[in-house]
Amino acid sequence: MKHRVVLSSSAVSDINELFDYILAEAGERIARDYVGKLRDFLHRFDVFPNRGTLINSESNTRRIGYERRATVIFRVEDDQVTILRVYHRGRDIEL
């Protein structure tokens, strides 16, 4: 069964901030490539969504790394995966 993948408004903001940071540090091409690959990674949660580390069993909230640079926090509910946050590098994780 395929799951629907939804990005929360916080996750969208995280990704936009990440894009702006990479844009300033490395340029537009690299920022677009990295964020594009990250979005592809997130949308692949439609298949086998219960990966990563379970961090809250009551809400089925999980954590997984992306390219050793980002941490993705997500929740699996029925047929939907909600990407809650995308933390880049050393940012503090808030749930």
C-alpha atoms as a PDB file:
ATOM      1  CA  MET A   1       0.000   0.000   0.000  1.00  0.00           C
ATOM      2  CA  LYS A   2       1.314   3.425  -0.923  1.00  0.00           C
ATOM      3  CA  HIS A   3       1.115   6.218   1.604  1.00  0.00           C
ATOM      4  CA  ARG A   4       0.374   9.849   0.908  1.00  0.00           C
ATOM      5  CA  VAL A   5       3.279  12.143   1.858  1.00  0.00           C
ATOM      6  CA  VAL A   6       2.405  15.567   3.281  1.00  0.00           C
ATOM      7  CA  LEU A   7       4.840  18.285   4.350  1.00  0.00           C
ATOM      8  CA  SER A   8       3.784  20.333   7.365  1.00  0.00           C
ATOM      9  CA  SER A   9       4.078  24.110   7.160  1.00  0.00           C
ATOM     10  CA  SER A  10       7.048  23.886   9.553  1.00  0.00           C
ATOM     11  CA  ALA A  11       8.807  21.412   7.249  1.00  0.00           C
ATOM     12  CA  VAL A  12       8.187  23.658   4.235  1.00  0.00           C
ATOM     13  CA  SER A  13       9.655  26.596   6.176  1.00  0.00           C
ATOM     14  CA  ASP A  14      12.652  24.473   7.184  1.00  0.00           C
ATOM     15  CA  ILE A  15      13.301  23.530   3.553  1.00  0.00           C
ATOM     16  CA  ASN A  16      12.936  27.148   2.389  1.00  0.00           C
ATOM     17  CA  GLU A  17      15.391  28.320   5.065  1.00  0.00           C
ATOM     18  CA  LEU A  18      17.797  25.574   4.051  1.00  0.00           C
ATOM     19  CA  PHE A  19      17.552  26.648   0.414  1.00  0.00           C
ATOM     20  CA  ASP A  20      18.290  30.272   1.346  1.00  0.00           C
ATOM     21  CA  TYR A  21      21.278  29.213   3.455  1.00  0.00           C
ATOM     22  CA  ILE A  22      22.787  27.058   0.696  1.00  0.00           C
ATOM     23  CA  LEU A  23      22.027  29.748  -1.907  1.00  0.00           C
ATOM     24  CA  ALA A  24      24.049  32.297   0.059  1.00  0.00           C
ATOM     25  CA  GLU A  25      26.901  29.863   0.761  1.00  0.00           C
ATOM     26  CA  ALA A  26      27.190  27.886  -2.480  1.00  0.00           C
ATOM     27  CA  GLY A  27      25.007  29.380  -5.208  1.00  0.00           C
ATOM     28  CA  GLU A  28      21.711  28.686  -6.889  1.00  0.00           C
ATOM     29  CA  ARG A  29      22.589  25.497  -8.787  1.00  0.00           C
ATOM     30  CA  ILE A  30      23.868  23.702  -5.702  1.00  0.00           C
ATOM     31  CA  ALA A  31      20.945  24.930  -3.575  1.00  0.00           C
ATOM     32  CA  ARG A  32      18.384  23.744  -6.152  1.00  0.00           C
ATOM     33  CA  ASP A  33      20.134  20.376  -6.571  1.00  0.00           C
ATOM     34  CA  TYR A  34      20.360  19.700  -2.845  1.00  0.00           C
ATOM     35  CA  VAL A  35      16.802  20.757  -2.036  1.00  0.00           C
ATOM     36  CA  GLY A  36      15.473  18.866  -5.066  1.00  0.00           C
ATOM     37  CA  LYS A  37      17.187  15.664  -3.928  1.00  0.00           C
ATOM     38  CA  LEU A  38      15.922  16.226  -0.387  1.00  0.00           C
ATOM     39  CA  ARG A  39      12.335  16.632  -1.623  1.00  0.00           C
ATOM     40  CA  ASP A  40      12.694  13.447  -3.711  1.00  0.00           C
ATOM     41  CA  PHE A  41      13.916  11.620  -0.599  1.00  0.00           C
ATOM     42  CA  LEU A  42      10.934  12.867   1.420  1.00  0.00           C
ATOM     43  CA  HIS A  43       8.388  11.860  -1.200  1.00  0.00           C
ATOM     44  CA  ARG A  44       9.818   8.331  -1.306  1.00  0.00           C
ATOM     45  CA  PHE A  45       8.274   7.755   2.109  1.00  0.00           C
ATOM     46  CA  ASP A  46       5.164   6.733   0.173  1.00  0.00           C
ATOM     47  CA  VAL A  47       6.659   3.223   0.163  1.00  0.00           C
ATOM     48  CA  PHE A  48       8.019   1.677   3.365  1.00  0.00           C
ATOM     49  CA  PRO A  49       7.335   4.665   5.616  1.00  0.00           C
ATOM     50  CA  ASN A  50       8.198   2.948   8.925  1.00  0.00           C
ATOM     51  CA  ARG A  51      11.932   3.446   8.549  1.00  0.00           C
ATOM     52  CA  GLY A  52      14.258   5.391  10.770  1.00  0.00           C
ATOM     53  CA  THR A  53      14.226   5.465  14.560  1.00  0.00           C
ATOM     54  CA  LEU A  54      10.994   5.509  16.529  1.00  0.00           C
ATOM     55  CA  ILE A  55      11.161   8.469  18.939  1.00  0.00           C
ATOM     56  CA  ASN A  56       7.549   8.485  20.186  1.00  0.00           C
ATOM     57  CA  SER A  57       5.571   5.258  20.042  1.00  0.00           C
ATOM     58  CA  GLU A  58       2.241   6.856  20.999  1.00  0.00           C
ATOM     59  CA  SER A  59       2.212   9.129  17.964  1.00  0.00           C
ATOM     60  CA  ASN A  60       4.436   6.912  15.775  1.00  0.00           C
ATOM     61  CA  THR A  61       6.862   9.800  15.347  1.00  0.00           C
ATOM     62  CA  ARG A  62      10.155   8.801  13.781  1.00  0.00           C
ATOM     63  CA  ARG A  63      13.548  10.297  12.921  1.00  0.00           C
ATOM     64  CA  ILE A  64      15.875   9.594  10.023  1.00  0.00           C
ATOM     65  CA  GLY A  65      19.043  11.209   8.713  1.00  0.00           C
ATOM     66  CA  TYR A  66      19.554  12.535   5.224  1.00  0.00           C
ATOM     67  CA  GLU A  67      23.081  12.553   3.750  1.00  0.00           C
ATOM     68  CA  ARG A  68      24.576  12.955   7.234  1.00  0.00           C
ATOM     69  CA  ARG A  69      23.601  16.644   7.073  1.00  0.00           C
ATOM     70  CA  ALA A  70      19.919  16.766   7.910  1.00  0.00           C
ATOM     71  CA  THR A  71      17.503  15.103  10.310  1.00  0.00           C
ATOM     72  CA  VAL A  72      13.933  14.478   9.209  1.00  0.00           C
ATOM     73  CA  ILE A  73      11.169  14.137  11.814  1.00  0.00           C
ATOM     74  CA  PHE A  74       7.990  12.487  10.541  1.00  0.00           C
ATOM     75  CA  ARG A  75       4.816  10.775  11.682  1.00  0.00           C
ATOM     76  CA  VAL A  76       3.140   7.757  10.116  1.00  0.00           C
ATOM     77  CA  GLU A  77      -0.643   7.579  10.465  1.00  0.00           C
ATOM     78  CA  ASP A  78      -2.790   5.040   8.612  1.00  0.00           C
ATOM     79  CA  ASP A  79      -2.107   5.778   4.924  1.00  0.00           C
ATOM     80  CA  GLN A  80      -0.345   9.123   5.404  1.00  0.00           C
ATOM     81  CA  VAL A  81       3.197  10.191   6.248  1.00  0.00           C
ATOM     82  CA  THR A  82       3.506  13.738   7.586  1.00  0.00           C
ATOM     83  CA  ILE A  83       6.943  15.315   7.412  1.00  0.00           C
ATOM     84  CA  LEU A  84       6.985  17.430  10.566  1.00  0.00           C
ATOM     85  CA  ARG A  85      10.428  19.064  10.506  1.00  0.00           C
ATOM     86  CA  VAL A  86      13.680  19.047   8.541  1.00  0.00           C
ATOM     87  CA  TYR A  87      16.651  20.071  10.683  1.00  0.00           C
ATOM     88  CA  HIS A  88      19.930  20.870   8.995  1.00  0.00           C
ATOM     89  CA  ARG A  89      23.237  20.134  10.692  1.00  0.00           C
ATOM     90  CA  GLY A  90      23.525  21.317  14.275  1.00  0.00           C
ATOM     91  CA  ARG A  91      20.082  22.854  14.767  1.00  0.00           C
ATOM     92  CA  ASP A  92      18.292  21.978  17.976  1.00  0.00           C
ATOM     93  CA  ILE A  93      15.471  19.502  17.483  1.00  0.00           C
ATOM     94  CA  GLU A  94      12.111  20.617  18.841  1.00  0.00           C
ATOM     95  CA  LEU A  95       9.118  18.303  18.692  1.00  0.00           C
END
